Each structure stands twice: as C-alpha cells, then as structure tokens.
Protein backbone atom coordinates (compact mmCIF):
# COMPACT_ATOMS: atom_id res chain seq x y z
CA UNK A 1 0.11 18.83 7.45
CA UNK A 2 1.40 19.27 3.90
CA UNK A 3 0.48 16.79 1.19
CA UNK A 4 4.04 15.46 1.17
CA UNK A 5 4.06 15.06 4.96
CA UNK A 6 0.71 13.23 4.81
CA UNK A 7 2.00 10.67 2.32
CA UNK A 8 5.25 10.27 4.27
CA UNK A 9 3.22 9.72 7.47
CA UNK A 10 1.12 7.09 5.63
CA UNK A 11 4.21 5.07 4.70
CA UNK A 12 5.82 5.59 8.13
CA UNK A 13 2.68 4.15 9.76
CA UNK A 14 2.81 1.26 7.27
CA UNK A 15 6.46 0.54 8.08
CA UNK A 16 5.77 0.76 11.84
CA UNK A 17 2.75 -1.56 11.49
CA UNK A 18 0.70 1.16 13.20
CA UNK A 19 -2.70 0.14 11.86
CA UNK A 20 -4.65 2.67 13.95
CA UNK A 21 -2.36 5.50 12.89
CA UNK A 22 -2.50 4.29 9.30
CA UNK A 23 -6.32 4.25 9.23
CA UNK A 24 -6.50 7.64 10.93
CA UNK A 25 -4.88 9.21 7.88
CA UNK A 26 -7.77 8.08 5.64
CA UNK A 27 -11.20 9.57 5.01
CA UNK A 28 -14.11 7.41 6.19
CA UNK A 29 -15.12 6.83 2.55
CA UNK A 30 -11.58 6.16 1.27
CA UNK A 31 -11.38 4.56 -2.16
CA UNK A 32 -8.78 1.81 -2.53
CA UNK A 33 -7.88 0.61 -6.02
CA UNK A 34 -6.05 -2.68 -5.55
CA UNK A 35 -3.24 -3.54 -7.95
CA UNK A 36 -4.71 -5.64 -10.78
CA UNK A 37 -7.83 -6.06 -8.67
CA UNK A 38 -11.03 -4.37 -7.73
CA UNK A 39 -12.04 -1.22 -5.96
CA UNK A 40 -12.97 -1.13 -2.29
CA UNK A 41 -14.61 1.78 -0.51
CA UNK A 42 -14.52 2.74 3.16
CA UNK A 43 -12.26 2.32 6.17
CA UNK A 44 -13.77 -1.05 7.19
CA UNK A 45 -12.89 -2.53 3.79
CA UNK A 46 -9.40 -1.04 3.99
CA UNK A 47 -8.93 -2.41 7.53
CA UNK A 48 -9.93 -5.89 6.32
CA UNK A 49 -7.44 -5.56 3.46
CA UNK A 50 -4.70 -4.61 5.95
CA UNK A 51 -5.54 -7.61 8.13
CA UNK A 52 -5.15 -9.96 5.16
CA UNK A 53 -1.95 -8.25 4.05
CA UNK A 54 -0.44 -8.53 7.53
CA UNK A 55 -1.25 -12.24 7.65
CA UNK A 56 0.27 -12.97 4.27
CA UNK A 57 3.14 -10.50 3.97
CA UNK A 58 5.67 -8.62 6.06
CA UNK A 59 6.66 -5.58 4.04
CA UNK A 60 8.60 -2.37 4.48
CA UNK A 61 8.75 0.59 2.15
CA UNK A 62 12.17 1.97 1.26
CA UNK A 63 13.54 4.61 -1.11
CA UNK A 64 10.29 6.60 -0.93
CA UNK A 65 9.89 9.56 -3.29
CA UNK A 66 6.73 11.66 -2.96
CA UNK A 67 5.46 14.06 -5.62
CA UNK A 68 2.50 16.42 -5.13
CA UNK A 69 0.58 18.79 -7.33
CA UNK A 70 0.47 22.49 -6.53
CA UNK A 71 -3.08 22.32 -5.16
CA UNK A 72 -2.10 19.72 -2.55
CA UNK A 73 -5.02 17.49 -3.58
CA UNK A 74 -3.14 14.90 -5.62
CA UNK A 75 0.05 13.03 -4.93
CA UNK A 76 2.12 10.17 -6.23
CA UNK A 77 4.76 8.02 -4.61
CA UNK A 78 7.43 5.72 -5.97
CA UNK A 79 9.18 3.26 -3.68
CA UNK A 80 10.67 -0.18 -3.24
CA UNK A 81 8.80 -2.84 -1.33
CA UNK A 82 11.01 -5.23 0.63
CA UNK A 83 8.92 -8.17 1.73
CA UNK A 84 8.58 -11.69 3.04
CA UNK A 85 5.74 -13.89 1.81
CA UNK A 86 4.43 -15.47 5.03
CA UNK A 87 1.17 -17.20 4.20
CA UNK A 88 -0.47 -18.04 0.87
CA UNK A 89 -2.80 -15.33 -0.35
CA UNK A 90 -5.92 -16.36 -2.25
CA UNK A 91 -5.16 -17.29 -5.84
CA UNK A 92 -1.39 -16.92 -5.40
CA UNK A 93 1.45 -19.44 -5.00
CA UNK A 94 2.26 -21.23 -1.74
CA UNK A 95 4.17 -19.19 0.80
CA UNK A 96 7.45 -20.54 2.16
CA UNK A 97 9.00 -17.39 3.58
CA UNK A 98 10.18 -16.20 0.17
CA UNK A 99 11.71 -12.73 0.10
CA UNK A 100 11.12 -10.19 -2.64
CA UNK A 101 11.90 -6.64 -3.66
CA UNK A 102 9.55 -4.74 -5.96
CA UNK A 103 9.50 -1.26 -7.40
CA UNK A 104 5.99 0.09 -6.92
CA UNK A 105 3.98 3.25 -7.16
CA UNK A 106 0.80 4.75 -5.78
CA UNK A 107 -1.48 7.63 -6.65
CA UNK A 108 -3.47 9.54 -4.06
CA UNK A 109 -6.35 11.97 -3.87
CA UNK A 110 -6.23 14.15 -0.75
CA UNK A 111 -9.17 15.89 0.88
CA UNK A 112 -9.35 17.96 4.08
CA UNK A 113 -5.93 16.75 5.27
CA UNK A 114 -6.71 13.04 4.74
CA UNK A 115 -6.18 10.46 2.03
CA UNK A 116 -9.41 9.96 0.05
CA UNK A 117 -8.11 7.60 -2.67
CA UNK A 118 -5.19 5.20 -2.98
CA UNK A 119 -4.35 3.42 -6.23
CA UNK A 120 -1.41 1.01 -5.97
CA UNK A 121 0.60 -0.38 -8.88
CA UNK A 122 3.39 -2.94 -9.10
CA UNK A 123 4.54 -5.62 -11.51
CA UNK A 124 2.72 -8.79 -10.42
CA UNK A 125 4.58 -11.07 -12.87
CA UNK A 126 7.87 -9.82 -11.40
CA UNK A 127 6.63 -10.63 -7.88
CA UNK A 128 5.49 -14.09 -9.03
CA UNK A 129 8.91 -14.75 -10.55
CA UNK A 130 10.55 -13.88 -7.23
CA UNK A 131 8.31 -16.05 -5.03
CA UNK A 132 7.90 -18.91 -7.51
CA UNK A 133 4.69 -19.95 -9.16
CA UNK A 134 4.39 -23.57 -8.01
C-alpha cells in the first residue's frame, strides 16, 4: 500500500467507525501526539483514546488532502472535521449535541506499511467558540 493509500485508509476507517480496521493500520508502539495535550504510546493507549472520543464525539472527516514525502515514510493530511459533541469530555464544556466544523491537520511517520506516529492539530479556541464555553 502506498503512503497516500495508507493515510486514506486510516481516515476511511475513522469515518466508518471501524475501530479494528483503524487499529490494524498502526504499529504496536504507535506514538500519538494529542492536540494541545500529551503523548501516548502503544495501541492500547490509542484504543482507549478512541473509546473516549467515540463516547464524547461523533465526527467525520471531509475534504481530505494527503501529502507524502518521496521516501514514503512521512505524510501530512489536511481536512475538515464535521462533528457533534455528544458527552462532556474532561475539562471541556458541557455537551448538548452541539455541532461543529473545524479545519485540522495531522502529521504521520510511516514504518513497514503502518502508521508509527500521529500528531494531530486543530484550533481548540475555535472549537470552544462553536460549542460554547459555559
């Protein structure tokens, strides 16, 4: 699978809520840099992150653009997140089914046909403005 196809498969699995397929695209020691947060390492940590995300948010990725380096070991993606805030996430405002649309990006390191690092970035203040901060 090409680097571009791998990243496209990652977001297709995300949109289809195919958690098993999503996790299968990652190395066992995947590094996940959370937007404005910490770093988690390993599939179990990523699976726990997905569980929390699925409880709190229903999101789809649209307008995906994938860019890869010539070596096929690094990639970047830009996209729009269309979401519904379902349940309050720790440290964030109350959820009341608010909808939001965010431009976001991610950077990837690829190794042996799998994703070895994911670093996600989006504008948290813009998201807070859309869902309300009370």
